[in-house]
Amino acid sequence: MNEEKGPSQIPGRIKELREIMAISAIDMARDIGISLETYEKYESGGLDIPISVLYKISNRLGTDTTVLLTGEDPRMDTASVCRAGKGIQVERYPGYEYASLAYNFKSRTMEPLLVSLDAGKACAPLVRHSGQEFNYVVEGKVRVTVGSRDYDLAAGDSIYFDARLPHAQCALTEGEPARFITIIQE
């Protein structure tokens, strides 16, 4: 398997694993609940892959999301420490970057991420995925949209919601960075 690291390698890792497992692109798209056209754009690198789709793909491939992100298997099974600034960094959309904080823990049942938002960029599109999600604002001000409602949160505020509802986060104050911890349980 290709062992190069970095977010630009994710589509290639997905394609390689899918081909090794003899799963057609059309079967993969159907199994994860998206159109073939969208799936092919994800796999070719023509479209950024939402974290929720990465979970679905890794589940279908029978592997950990860490393998898709890094090309390596997680190694820890009792505890995993992630030092400041050392999480696996992925830019999801321009101005929306996240770092996986528990990427090296085997068989995770939730995904803690540190998300950094650039207030000068457009808000990320609404997404939905299975499970539940928790957001805790660490720095700045964040608007969290859940369904048709907006929640404006400041440092120290948090929100817990049903992730099956369309949702998104956006920095509120231009020129001021915003960061929040999100914990996703699929």
Protein backbone atom coordinates (compact mmCIF):
# COMPACT_ATOMS: atom_id res chain seq x y z
CA MET A 1 0.00 0.00 0.00
CA ASN A 2 1.15 3.54 -0.75
CA GLU A 3 2.70 4.91 2.45
CA GLU A 4 2.95 8.61 1.51
CA LYS A 5 1.46 10.90 4.13
CA GLY A 6 -0.70 14.00 3.85
CA PRO A 7 -4.31 14.83 3.04
CA SER A 8 -3.68 14.90 -0.71
CA GLN A 9 -2.97 11.16 -0.51
CA ILE A 10 -6.41 10.24 0.91
CA PRO A 11 -8.21 9.73 -2.44
CA GLY A 12 -5.41 7.46 -3.69
CA ARG A 13 -5.49 5.39 -0.51
CA ILE A 14 -9.24 4.95 -0.85
CA LYS A 15 -8.99 3.87 -4.47
CA GLU A 16 -6.13 1.49 -3.75
CA LEU A 17 -7.94 -0.19 -0.84
CA ARG A 18 -11.18 -0.40 -2.81
CA GLU A 19 -9.39 -2.06 -5.72
CA ILE A 20 -7.51 -4.48 -3.42
CA MET A 21 -10.86 -5.52 -1.96
CA ALA A 22 -12.35 -5.87 -5.48
CA ILE A 23 -15.19 -3.42 -4.76
CA SER A 24 -16.40 -1.52 -7.81
CA ALA A 25 -16.81 2.25 -7.61
CA ILE A 26 -20.53 1.86 -8.28
CA ASP A 27 -20.90 -0.64 -5.41
CA MET A 28 -18.93 1.63 -3.07
CA ALA A 29 -21.08 4.65 -3.96
CA ARG A 30 -24.27 2.66 -3.43
CA ASP A 31 -23.05 1.15 -0.14
CA ILE A 32 -22.17 4.55 1.37
CA GLY A 33 -25.32 6.22 0.04
CA ILE A 34 -23.99 8.73 -2.51
CA SER A 35 -24.12 9.06 -6.28
CA LEU A 36 -21.44 7.42 -8.41
CA GLU A 37 -20.56 10.84 -9.86
CA THR A 38 -19.92 12.31 -6.40
CA TYR A 39 -17.97 9.24 -5.29
CA GLU A 40 -15.74 9.38 -8.37
CA LYS A 41 -15.02 13.07 -7.67
CA TYR A 42 -14.01 12.16 -4.10
CA GLU A 43 -11.78 9.33 -5.25
CA SER A 44 -10.12 11.41 -7.98
CA GLY A 45 -9.43 14.30 -5.60
CA GLY A 46 -11.77 16.59 -7.54
CA LEU A 47 -13.99 17.15 -4.50
CA ASP A 48 -13.08 17.38 -0.80
CA ILE A 49 -14.32 14.40 1.19
CA PRO A 50 -16.40 15.30 4.26
CA ILE A 51 -15.28 13.55 7.45
CA SER A 52 -18.67 11.82 7.65
CA VAL A 53 -18.06 10.25 4.23
CA LEU A 54 -14.56 9.20 5.28
CA TYR A 55 -16.17 7.28 8.17
CA LYS A 56 -18.58 5.55 5.82
CA ILE A 57 -15.80 4.66 3.39
CA SER A 58 -13.52 3.33 6.14
CA ASN A 59 -16.39 1.26 7.56
CA ARG A 60 -17.17 -0.19 4.12
CA LEU A 61 -13.48 -0.99 3.59
CA GLY A 62 -13.28 -2.54 7.06
CA THR A 63 -10.46 -0.26 8.14
CA ASP A 64 -9.85 2.59 10.56
CA THR A 65 -10.22 6.17 9.34
CA THR A 66 -6.60 6.69 10.42
CA VAL A 67 -5.50 4.38 7.59
CA LEU A 68 -7.20 6.68 5.08
CA LEU A 69 -5.78 9.82 6.72
CA THR A 70 -2.19 8.64 7.26
CA GLY A 71 -1.61 5.37 5.45
CA GLU A 72 -0.81 3.73 8.79
CA ASP A 73 -2.79 1.64 11.26
CA PRO A 74 -3.48 3.11 14.71
CA ARG A 75 -1.23 1.48 17.29
CA MET A 76 -2.49 2.35 20.77
CA ASP A 77 -5.14 0.39 22.65
CA THR A 78 -4.95 1.67 26.24
CA ALA A 79 -4.23 5.38 25.78
CA SER A 80 -3.16 7.73 23.02
CA VAL A 81 -1.62 11.13 23.70
CA CYS A 82 -1.75 13.85 21.07
CA ARG A 83 0.67 16.68 21.84
CA ALA A 84 -0.20 20.29 21.00
CA GLY A 85 -0.06 20.88 17.27
CA LYS A 86 0.59 17.20 16.49
CA GLY A 87 -2.86 16.00 15.38
CA ILE A 88 -3.30 14.79 11.82
CA GLN A 89 -4.15 18.01 9.94
CA VAL A 90 -6.70 18.01 7.13
CA GLU A 91 -8.04 21.04 5.28
CA ARG A 92 -11.64 20.16 4.60
CA TYR A 93 -12.69 23.34 2.81
CA PRO A 94 -10.81 26.61 2.33
CA GLY A 95 -10.81 28.20 5.79
CA TYR A 96 -12.00 25.01 7.57
CA GLU A 97 -9.21 22.82 8.88
CA TYR A 98 -9.35 20.03 11.41
CA ALA A 99 -6.83 17.97 13.34
CA SER A 100 -7.65 14.44 14.43
CA LEU A 101 -6.74 14.23 18.12
CA ALA A 102 -7.10 10.47 18.69
CA TYR A 103 -5.94 9.12 15.33
CA ASN A 104 -3.51 6.67 16.92
CA PHE A 105 -6.09 4.88 19.14
CA LYS A 106 -7.40 1.54 17.86
CA SER A 107 -11.14 0.87 17.56
CA ARG A 108 -12.29 4.40 18.45
CA THR A 109 -16.02 4.79 19.09
CA MET A 110 -15.87 8.56 18.76
CA GLU A 111 -13.73 11.02 16.82
CA PRO A 112 -12.38 14.09 18.67
CA LEU A 113 -11.21 16.84 16.31
CA LEU A 114 -9.81 20.33 16.80
CA VAL A 115 -11.37 22.55 14.13
CA SER A 116 -9.88 25.89 13.07
CA LEU A 117 -12.05 28.35 11.15
CA ASP A 118 -10.80 31.30 9.11
CA ALA A 119 -13.26 34.16 9.52
CA GLY A 120 -12.22 35.59 6.14
CA LYS A 121 -13.52 32.53 4.25
CA ALA A 122 -17.05 31.51 3.35
CA CYS A 123 -18.89 29.20 5.70
CA ALA A 124 -18.69 25.48 5.04
CA PRO A 125 -21.75 23.88 3.44
CA LEU A 126 -24.29 22.05 5.57
CA VAL A 127 -23.51 18.37 6.15
CA ARG A 128 -25.25 15.51 7.88
CA HIS A 129 -24.08 12.16 9.12
CA SER A 130 -25.21 9.45 11.46
CA GLY A 131 -24.73 9.68 15.20
CA GLN A 132 -24.36 12.64 17.50
CA GLU A 133 -21.95 15.55 17.69
CA PHE A 134 -20.58 17.77 20.45
CA ASN A 135 -18.88 21.15 19.82
CA TYR A 136 -16.96 23.12 22.47
CA VAL A 137 -15.65 26.57 21.49
CA VAL A 138 -12.03 27.05 22.55
CA GLU A 139 -11.30 30.42 20.92
CA GLY A 140 -13.28 33.13 19.15
CA LYS A 141 -16.95 33.05 18.23
CA VAL A 142 -18.65 30.34 16.19
CA ARG A 143 -22.08 30.16 14.60
CA VAL A 144 -23.36 26.59 14.63
CA THR A 145 -26.30 25.92 12.35
CA VAL A 146 -28.39 22.86 13.21
CA GLY A 147 -31.40 22.30 11.02
CA SER A 148 -32.95 25.71 10.42
CA ARG A 149 -31.64 27.29 13.63
CA ASP A 150 -28.41 29.23 14.28
CA TYR A 151 -26.61 29.15 17.64
CA ASP A 152 -23.96 31.80 18.28
CA LEU A 153 -21.33 30.47 20.68
CA ALA A 154 -18.31 32.09 22.36
CA ALA A 155 -15.25 30.57 24.02
CA GLY A 156 -16.41 28.21 26.77
CA ASP A 157 -19.84 27.57 25.20
CA SER A 158 -20.83 24.17 23.86
CA ILE A 159 -23.59 22.46 21.89
CA TYR A 160 -24.65 18.82 21.54
CA PHE A 161 -26.89 17.80 18.65
CA ASP A 162 -28.29 15.09 16.41
CA ALA A 163 -25.80 14.94 13.53
CA ARG A 164 -28.46 13.52 11.17
CA LEU A 165 -29.77 17.10 10.93
CA PRO A 166 -28.06 19.39 8.40
CA HIS A 167 -25.37 21.33 10.27
CA ALA A 168 -22.35 23.58 9.79
CA GLN A 169 -20.02 25.85 11.72
CA CYS A 170 -18.77 29.29 10.76
CA ALA A 171 -16.46 31.85 12.38
CA LEU A 172 -18.45 34.92 13.40
CA THR A 173 -15.90 37.71 13.84
CA GLU A 174 -13.90 38.68 10.75
CA GLY A 175 -10.18 38.84 11.42
CA GLU A 176 -10.55 36.80 14.61
CA PRO A 177 -9.69 33.11 14.44
CA ALA A 178 -12.16 30.63 15.85
CA ARG A 179 -11.38 27.13 17.08
CA PHE A 180 -13.60 24.48 18.55
CA ILE A 181 -13.34 20.89 19.67
CA THR A 182 -15.84 18.58 18.05
CA ILE A 183 -16.47 15.03 19.18
CA ILE A 184 -18.37 12.93 16.68
CA GLN A 185 -19.92 9.62 17.63
CA GLU A 186 -21.07 7.62 14.63
